[in-house]
Amino acid sequence: MTETHQLINETLLQMKFARIIDLLAKELGINHSRALEVFYESDTYSYLSRKMYHLHNMSDAYIVDEIMLELQLKQ
């Protein structure tokens, strides 16, 4: 039963990633391929994928804001 829960949780997390990438593309005015790169190269993604930080519980918009702040700090 826990294996089923893990699969469901992983599926939900992947769906969240897709929503974040879509929103990131819209906010930055970039295509989805570039948004995908930005997302997966971000420190925010690193923290998001480690569930111990509970970032996955935050809203999609909050996570996009974090990625955008991270991009600003890197410039």
PDB file of N, CA and C in Angstrom:
ATOM      1  N   MET A   1       0.817  -1.200   0.000  1.00  0.00           N
ATOM      2  CA  MET A   1       0.000   0.000   0.000  1.00  0.00           C
ATOM      3  C   MET A   1       0.862   1.264   0.000  1.00  0.00           C
ATOM      4  N   THR A   2       1.949   1.270   0.737  1.00  0.00           N
ATOM      5  CA  THR A   2       2.808   2.446   0.733  1.00  0.00           C
ATOM      6  C   THR A   2       3.425   2.674  -0.638  1.00  0.00           C
ATOM      7  N   GLU A   3       3.652   1.598  -1.386  1.00  0.00           N
ATOM      8  CA  GLU A   3       4.194   1.738  -2.736  1.00  0.00           C
ATOM      9  C   GLU A   3       3.207   2.506  -3.623  1.00  0.00           C
ATOM     10  N   THR A   4       1.925   2.255  -3.469  1.00  0.00           N
ATOM     11  CA  THR A   4       0.901   2.966  -4.220  1.00  0.00           C
ATOM     12  C   THR A   4       0.886   4.433  -3.826  1.00  0.00           C
ATOM     13  N   HIS A   5       0.989   4.726  -2.536  1.00  0.00           N
ATOM     14  CA  HIS A   5       1.015   6.104  -2.058  1.00  0.00           C
ATOM     15  C   HIS A   5       2.234   6.847  -2.598  1.00  0.00           C
ATOM     16  N   GLN A   6       3.369   6.176  -2.652  1.00  0.00           N
ATOM     17  CA  GLN A   6       4.575   6.814  -3.177  1.00  0.00           C
ATOM     18  C   GLN A   6       4.400   7.148  -4.653  1.00  0.00           C
ATOM     19  N   LEU A   7       3.779   6.234  -5.402  1.00  0.00           N
ATOM     20  CA  LEU A   7       3.541   6.468  -6.819  1.00  0.00           C
ATOM     21  C   LEU A   7       2.586   7.641  -7.013  1.00  0.00           C
ATOM     22  N   ILE A   8       1.533   7.685  -6.217  1.00  0.00           N
ATOM     23  CA  ILE A   8       0.576   8.794  -6.303  1.00  0.00           C
ATOM     24  C   ILE A   8       1.270  10.102  -5.949  1.00  0.00           C
ATOM     25  N   ASN A   9       2.028  10.126  -4.888  1.00  0.00           N
ATOM     26  CA  ASN A   9       2.732  11.339  -4.471  1.00  0.00           C
ATOM     27  C   ASN A   9       3.719  11.787  -5.541  1.00  0.00           C
ATOM     28  N   GLU A  10       4.426  10.847  -6.152  1.00  0.00           N
ATOM     29  CA  GLU A  10       5.390  11.197  -7.199  1.00  0.00           C
ATOM     30  C   GLU A  10       4.657  11.738  -8.423  1.00  0.00           C
ATOM     31  N   THR A  11       3.526  11.174  -8.751  1.00  0.00           N
ATOM     32  CA  THR A  11       2.722  11.656  -9.874  1.00  0.00           C
ATOM     33  C   THR A  11       2.238  13.072  -9.607  1.00  0.00           C
ATOM     34  N   LEU A  12       1.755  13.320  -8.402  1.00  0.00           N
ATOM     35  CA  LEU A  12       1.300  14.666  -8.045  1.00  0.00           C
ATOM     36  C   LEU A  12       2.442  15.669  -8.099  1.00  0.00           C
ATOM     37  N   LEU A  13       3.613  15.259  -7.679  1.00  0.00           N
ATOM     38  CA  LEU A  13       4.776  16.146  -7.714  1.00  0.00           C
ATOM     39  C   LEU A  13       5.155  16.470  -9.162  1.00  0.00           C
ATOM     40  N   GLN A  14       5.113  15.479 -10.041  1.00  0.00           N
ATOM     41  CA  GLN A  14       5.420  15.719 -11.450  1.00  0.00           C
ATOM     42  C   GLN A  14       4.391  16.664 -12.082  1.00  0.00           C
ATOM     43  N   MET A  15       3.131  16.533 -11.687  1.00  0.00           N
ATOM     44  CA  MET A  15       2.097  17.433 -12.178  1.00  0.00           C
ATOM     45  C   MET A  15       2.353  18.853 -11.676  1.00  0.00           C
ATOM     46  N   LYS A  16       2.817  18.977 -10.449  1.00  0.00           N
ATOM     47  CA  LYS A  16       3.161  20.289  -9.890  1.00  0.00           C
ATOM     48  C   LYS A  16       4.313  20.902 -10.676  1.00  0.00           C
ATOM     49  N   PHE A  17       5.315  20.099 -11.004  1.00  0.00           N
ATOM     50  CA  PHE A  17       6.438  20.585 -11.802  1.00  0.00           C
ATOM     51  C   PHE A  17       5.934  21.150 -13.129  1.00  0.00           C
ATOM     52  N   ALA A  18       5.029  20.437 -13.776  1.00  0.00           N
ATOM     53  CA  ALA A  18       4.496  20.882 -15.072  1.00  0.00           C
ATOM     54  C   ALA A  18       3.773  22.222 -14.939  1.00  0.00           C
ATOM     55  N   ARG A  19       3.000  22.378 -13.874  1.00  0.00           N
ATOM     56  CA  ARG A  19       2.287  23.651 -13.652  1.00  0.00           C
ATOM     57  C   ARG A  19       3.277  24.780 -13.393  1.00  0.00           C
ATOM     58  N   ILE A  20       4.317  24.505 -12.638  1.00  0.00           N
ATOM     59  CA  ILE A  20       5.331  25.521 -12.327  1.00  0.00           C
ATOM     60  C   ILE A  20       6.047  25.938 -13.608  1.00  0.00           C
ATOM     61  N   ILE A  21       6.410  24.985 -14.435  1.00  0.00           N
ATOM     62  CA  ILE A  21       7.103  25.292 -15.695  1.00  0.00           C
ATOM     63  C   ILE A  21       6.211  26.129 -16.596  1.00  0.00           C
ATOM     64  N   ASP A  22       4.931  25.800 -16.658  1.00  0.00           N
ATOM     65  CA  ASP A  22       3.983  26.569 -17.464  1.00  0.00           C
ATOM     66  C   ASP A  22       3.886  28.005 -16.956  1.00  0.00           C
ATOM     67  N   LEU A  23       3.746  28.160 -15.662  1.00  0.00           N
ATOM     68  CA  LEU A  23       3.643  29.490 -15.069  1.00  0.00           C
ATOM     69  C   LEU A  23       4.944  30.274 -15.229  1.00  0.00           C
ATOM     70  N   LEU A  24       6.061  29.600 -15.085  1.00  0.00           N
ATOM     71  CA  LEU A  24       7.364  30.234 -15.250  1.00  0.00           C
ATOM     72  C   LEU A  24       7.528  30.760 -16.681  1.00  0.00           C
ATOM     73  N   ALA A  25       7.104  29.974 -17.660  1.00  0.00           N
ATOM     74  CA  ALA A  25       7.169  30.401 -19.061  1.00  0.00           C
ATOM     75  C   ALA A  25       6.342  31.660 -19.281  1.00  0.00           C
ATOM     76  N   LYS A  26       5.154  31.690 -18.698  1.00  0.00           N
ATOM     77  CA  LYS A  26       4.280  32.859 -18.847  1.00  0.00           C
ATOM     78  C   LYS A  26       4.872  34.080 -18.155  1.00  0.00           C
ATOM     79  N   GLU A  27       5.353  33.913 -16.941  1.00  0.00           N
ATOM     80  CA  GLU A  27       5.882  35.045 -16.163  1.00  0.00           C
ATOM     81  C   GLU A  27       7.144  35.639 -16.791  1.00  0.00           C
ATOM     82  N   LEU A  28       7.992  34.782 -17.351  1.00  0.00           N
ATOM     83  CA  LEU A  28       9.247  35.255 -17.927  1.00  0.00           C
ATOM     84  C   LEU A  28       9.136  35.549 -19.421  1.00  0.00           C
ATOM     85  N   GLY A  29       8.016  35.175 -20.021  1.00  0.00           N
ATOM     86  CA  GLY A  29       7.825  35.400 -21.453  1.00  0.00           C
ATOM     87  C   GLY A  29       8.779  34.572 -22.299  1.00  0.00           C
ATOM     88  N   ILE A  30       8.987  33.325 -21.881  1.00  0.00           N
ATOM     89  CA  ILE A  30       9.893  32.422 -22.598  1.00  0.00           C
ATOM     90  C   ILE A  30       9.126  31.182 -23.016  1.00  0.00           C
ATOM     91  N   ASN A  31       9.717  30.395 -23.928  1.00  0.00           N
ATOM     92  CA  ASN A  31       9.034  29.173 -24.342  1.00  0.00           C
ATOM     93  C   ASN A  31       9.184  28.095 -23.268  1.00  0.00           C
ATOM     94  N   HIS A  32       8.403  27.059 -23.412  1.00  0.00           N
ATOM     95  CA  HIS A  32       8.387  26.012 -22.387  1.00  0.00           C
ATOM     96  C   HIS A  32       9.711  25.252 -22.297  1.00  0.00           C
ATOM     97  N   SER A  33      10.396  25.111 -23.413  1.00  0.00           N
ATOM     98  CA  SER A  33      11.695  24.420 -23.377  1.00  0.00           C
ATOM     99  C   SER A  33      12.691  25.194 -22.520  1.00  0.00           C
ATOM    100  N   ARG A  34      12.722  26.498 -22.701  1.00  0.00           N
ATOM    101  CA  ARG A  34      13.636  27.332 -21.902  1.00  0.00           C
ATOM    102  C   ARG A  34      13.195  27.351 -20.436  1.00  0.00           C
ATOM    103  N   ALA A  35      11.885  27.412 -20.197  1.00  0.00           N
ATOM    104  CA  ALA A  35      11.367  27.386 -18.821  1.00  0.00           C
ATOM    105  C   ALA A  35      11.744  26.081 -18.130  1.00  0.00           C
ATOM    106  N   LEU A  36      11.720  24.998 -18.876  1.00  0.00           N
ATOM    107  CA  LEU A  36      12.109  23.697 -18.338  1.00  0.00           C
ATOM    108  C   LEU A  36      13.570  23.726 -17.900  1.00  0.00           C
ATOM    109  N   GLU A  37      14.442  24.305 -18.733  1.00  0.00           N
ATOM    110  CA  GLU A  37      15.859  24.434 -18.382  1.00  0.00           C
ATOM    111  C   GLU A  37      16.042  25.290 -17.131  1.00  0.00           C
ATOM    112  N   VAL A  38      15.378  26.436 -17.114  1.00  0.00           N
ATOM    113  CA  VAL A  38      15.494  27.346 -15.972  1.00  0.00           C
ATOM    114  C   VAL A  38      15.060  26.630 -14.693  1.00  0.00           C
ATOM    115  N   PHE A  39      13.951  25.924 -14.771  1.00  0.00           N
ATOM    116  CA  PHE A  39      13.419  25.218 -13.607  1.00  0.00           C
ATOM    117  C   PHE A  39      14.391  24.166 -13.098  1.00  0.00           C
ATOM    118  N   TYR A  40      14.833  23.276 -13.988  1.00  0.00           N
ATOM    119  CA  TYR A  40      15.691  22.175 -13.552  1.00  0.00           C
ATOM    120  C   TYR A  40      17.096  22.614 -13.156  1.00  0.00           C
ATOM    121  N   GLU A  41      17.536  23.778 -13.601  1.00  0.00           N
ATOM    122  CA  GLU A  41      18.855  24.289 -13.219  1.00  0.00           C
ATOM    123  C   GLU A  41      18.815  25.125 -11.941  1.00  0.00           C
ATOM    124  N   SER A  42      17.630  25.371 -11.412  1.00  0.00           N
ATOM    125  CA  SER A  42      17.500  26.241 -10.240  1.00  0.00           C
ATOM    126  C   SER A  42      17.782  25.497  -8.937  1.00  0.00           C
ATOM    127  N   ASP A  43      18.248  26.261  -7.957  1.00  0.00           N
ATOM    128  CA  ASP A  43      18.408  25.712  -6.609  1.00  0.00           C
ATOM    129  C   ASP A  43      17.041  25.392  -6.025  1.00  0.00           C
ATOM    130  N   THR A  44      16.056  26.164  -6.410  1.00  0.00           N
ATOM    131  CA  THR A  44      14.690  25.945  -5.917  1.00  0.00           C
ATOM    132  C   THR A  44      14.210  24.550  -6.299  1.00  0.00           C
ATOM    133  N   TYR A  45      14.491  24.122  -7.526  1.00  0.00           N
ATOM    134  CA  TYR A  45      14.120  22.755  -7.939  1.00  0.00           C
ATOM    135  C   TYR A  45      14.822  21.735  -7.054  1.00  0.00           C
ATOM    136  N   SER A  46      16.081  21.986  -6.769  1.00  0.00           N
ATOM    137  CA  SER A  46      16.837  21.063  -5.923  1.00  0.00           C
ATOM    138  C   SER A  46      16.166  20.891  -4.559  1.00  0.00           C
ATOM    139  N   TYR A  47      15.744  22.015  -3.979  1.00  0.00           N
ATOM    140  CA  TYR A  47      15.059  21.953  -2.684  1.00  0.00           C
ATOM    141  C   TYR A  47      13.669  21.338  -2.818  1.00  0.00           C
ATOM    142  N   LEU A  48      12.999  21.640  -3.902  1.00  0.00           N
ATOM    143  CA  LEU A  48      11.652  21.133  -4.134  1.00  0.00           C
ATOM    144  C   LEU A  48      11.653  19.613  -4.274  1.00  0.00           C
ATOM    145  N   SER A  49      12.654  19.090  -4.938  1.00  0.00           N
ATOM    146  CA  SER A  49      12.699  17.645  -5.161  1.00  0.00           C
ATOM    147  C   SER A  49      13.090  16.868  -3.903  1.00  0.00           C
ATOM    148  N   ARG A  50      13.658  17.564  -2.933  1.00  0.00           N
ATOM    149  CA  ARG A  50      13.949  16.932  -1.632  1.00  0.00           C
ATOM    150  C   ARG A  50      12.783  17.238  -0.710  1.00  0.00           C
ATOM    151  N   LYS A  51      11.939  16.293  -0.538  1.00  0.00           N
ATOM    152  CA  LYS A  51      10.683  16.529   0.185  1.00  0.00           C
ATOM    153  C   LYS A  51      10.884  16.918   1.653  1.00  0.00           C
ATOM    154  N   MET A  52      12.080  16.710   2.171  1.00  0.00           N
ATOM    155  CA  MET A  52      12.318  17.036   3.580  1.00  0.00           C
ATOM    156  C   MET A  52      12.202  18.537   3.849  1.00  0.00           C
ATOM    157  N   TYR A  53      12.330  19.365   2.788  1.00  0.00           N
ATOM    158  CA  TYR A  53      12.203  20.811   2.962  1.00  0.00           C
ATOM    159  C   TYR A  53      10.753  21.291   2.895  1.00  0.00           C
ATOM    160  N   HIS A  54       9.855  20.410   2.499  1.00  0.00           N
ATOM    161  CA  HIS A  54       8.413  20.698   2.428  1.00  0.00           C
ATOM    162  C   HIS A  54       8.060  21.844   1.481  1.00  0.00           C
ATOM    163  N   LEU A  55       8.952  22.170   0.569  1.00  0.00           N
ATOM    164  CA  LEU A  55       8.671  23.212  -0.407  1.00  0.00           C
ATOM    165  C   LEU A  55       7.541  22.791  -1.344  1.00  0.00           C
ATOM    166  N   HIS A  56       7.374  21.479  -1.522  1.00  0.00           N
ATOM    167  CA  HIS A  56       6.300  20.972  -2.378  1.00  0.00           C
ATOM    168  C   HIS A  56       4.907  21.325  -1.834  1.00  0.00           C
ATOM    169  N   ASN A  57       4.839  21.729  -0.582  1.00  0.00           N
ATOM    170  CA  ASN A  57       3.560  22.135   0.006  1.00  0.00           C
ATOM    171  C   ASN A  57       3.193  23.583  -0.312  1.00  0.00           C
ATOM    172  N   MET A  58       4.137  24.330  -0.851  1.00  0.00           N
ATOM    173  CA  MET A  58       3.886  25.732  -1.176  1.00  0.00           C
ATOM    174  C   MET A  58       3.155  25.832  -2.515  1.00  0.00           C
ATOM    175  N   SER A  59       2.531  26.970  -2.748  1.00  0.00           N
ATOM    176  CA  SER A  59       1.776  27.150  -3.993  1.00  0.00           C
ATOM    177  C   SER A  59       2.728  27.235  -5.183  1.00  0.00           C
ATOM    178  N   ASP A  60       2.181  26.950  -6.350  1.00  0.00           N
ATOM    179  CA  ASP A  60       2.963  27.042  -7.580  1.00  0.00           C
ATOM    180  C   ASP A  60       3.500  28.467  -7.765  1.00  0.00           C
ATOM    181  N   ALA A  61       2.650  29.451  -7.511  1.00  0.00           N
ATOM    182  CA  ALA A  61       3.052  30.855  -7.679  1.00  0.00           C
ATOM    183  C   ALA A  61       4.200  31.208  -6.734  1.00  0.00           C
ATOM    184  N   TYR A  62       4.162  30.720  -5.515  1.00  0.00           N
ATOM    185  CA  TYR A  62       5.237  30.975  -4.556  1.00  0.00           C
ATOM    186  C   TYR A  62       6.553  30.408  -5.084  1.00  0.00           C
ATOM    187  N   ILE A  63       6.511  29.200  -5.608  1.00  0.00           N
ATOM    188  CA  ILE A  63       7.724  28.560  -6.105  1.00  0.00           C
ATOM    189  C   ILE A  63       8.267  29.304  -7.320  1.00  0.00           C
ATOM    190  N   VAL A  64       7.378  29.741  -8.210  1.00  0.00           N
ATOM    191  CA  VAL A  64       7.808  30.532  -9.363  1.00  0.00           C
ATOM    192  C   VAL A  64       8.461  31.833  -8.895  1.00  0.00           C
ATOM    193  N   ASP A  65       7.875  32.465  -7.898  1.00  0.00           N
ATOM    194  CA  ASP A  65       8.477  33.687  -7.340  1.00  0.00           C
ATOM    195  C   ASP A  65       9.875  33.411  -6.791  1.00  0.00           C
ATOM    196  N   GLU A  66      10.045  32.284  -6.131  1.00  0.00           N
ATOM    197  CA  GLU A  66      11.357  31.915  -5.599  1.00  0.00           C
ATOM    198  C   GLU A  66      12.374  31.735  -6.722  1.00  0.00           C
ATOM    199  N   ILE A  67      11.958  31.089  -7.798  1.00  0.00           N
ATOM    200  CA  ILE A  67      12.856  30.886  -8.934  1.00  0.00           C
ATOM    201  C   ILE A  67      13.214  32.229  -9.563  1.00  0.00           C
ATOM    202  N   MET A  68      12.242  33.109  -9.688  1.00  0.00           N
ATOM    203  CA  MET A  68      12.500  34.425 -10.264  1.00  0.00           C
ATOM    204  C   MET A  68      13.438  35.247  -9.383  1.00  0.00           C
ATOM    205  N   LEU A  69      13.268  35.167  -8.074  1.00  0.00           N
ATOM    206  CA  LEU A  69      14.192  35.843  -7.152  1.00  0.00           C
ATOM    207  C   LEU A  69      15.601  35.272  -7.291  1.00  0.00           C
ATOM    208  N   GLU A  70      15.669  33.969  -7.413  1.00  0.00           N
ATOM    209  CA  GLU A  70      16.956  33.305  -7.583  1.00  0.00           C
ATOM    210  C   GLU A  70      17.645  33.790  -8.874  1.00  0.00           C
ATOM    211  N   LEU A  71      16.878  33.924  -9.947  1.00  0.00           N
ATOM    212  CA  LEU A  71      17.426  34.425 -11.211  1.00  0.00           C
ATOM    213  C   LEU A  71      17.942  35.858 -11.061  1.00  0.00           C
ATOM    214  N   GLN A  72      17.203  36.674 -10.337  1.00  0.00           N
ATOM    215  CA  GLN A  72      17.636  38.061 -10.124  1.00  0.00           C
ATOM    216  C   GLN A  72      18.935  38.131  -9.340  1.00  0.00           C
ATOM    217  N   LEU A  73      19.064  37.272  -8.340  1.00  0.00           N
ATOM    218  CA  LEU A  73      20.275  37.270  -7.518  1.00  0.00           C
ATOM    219  C   LEU A  73      21.496  36.785  -8.305  1.00  0.00           C
ATOM    220  N   LYS A  74      21.281  35.942  -9.295  1.00  0.00           N
ATOM    221  CA  LYS A  74      22.385  35.410 -10.094  1.00  0.00           C
ATOM    222  C   LYS A  74      22.881  36.404 -11.129  1.00  0.00           C
ATOM    223  N   GLN A  75      22.093  37.451 -11.416  1.00  0.00           N
ATOM    224  CA  GLN A  75      22.502  38.423 -12.432  1.00  0.00           C
ATOM    225  C   GLN A  75      23.478  39.419 -11.892  1.00  0.00           C
TER     226      GLN A  75
END
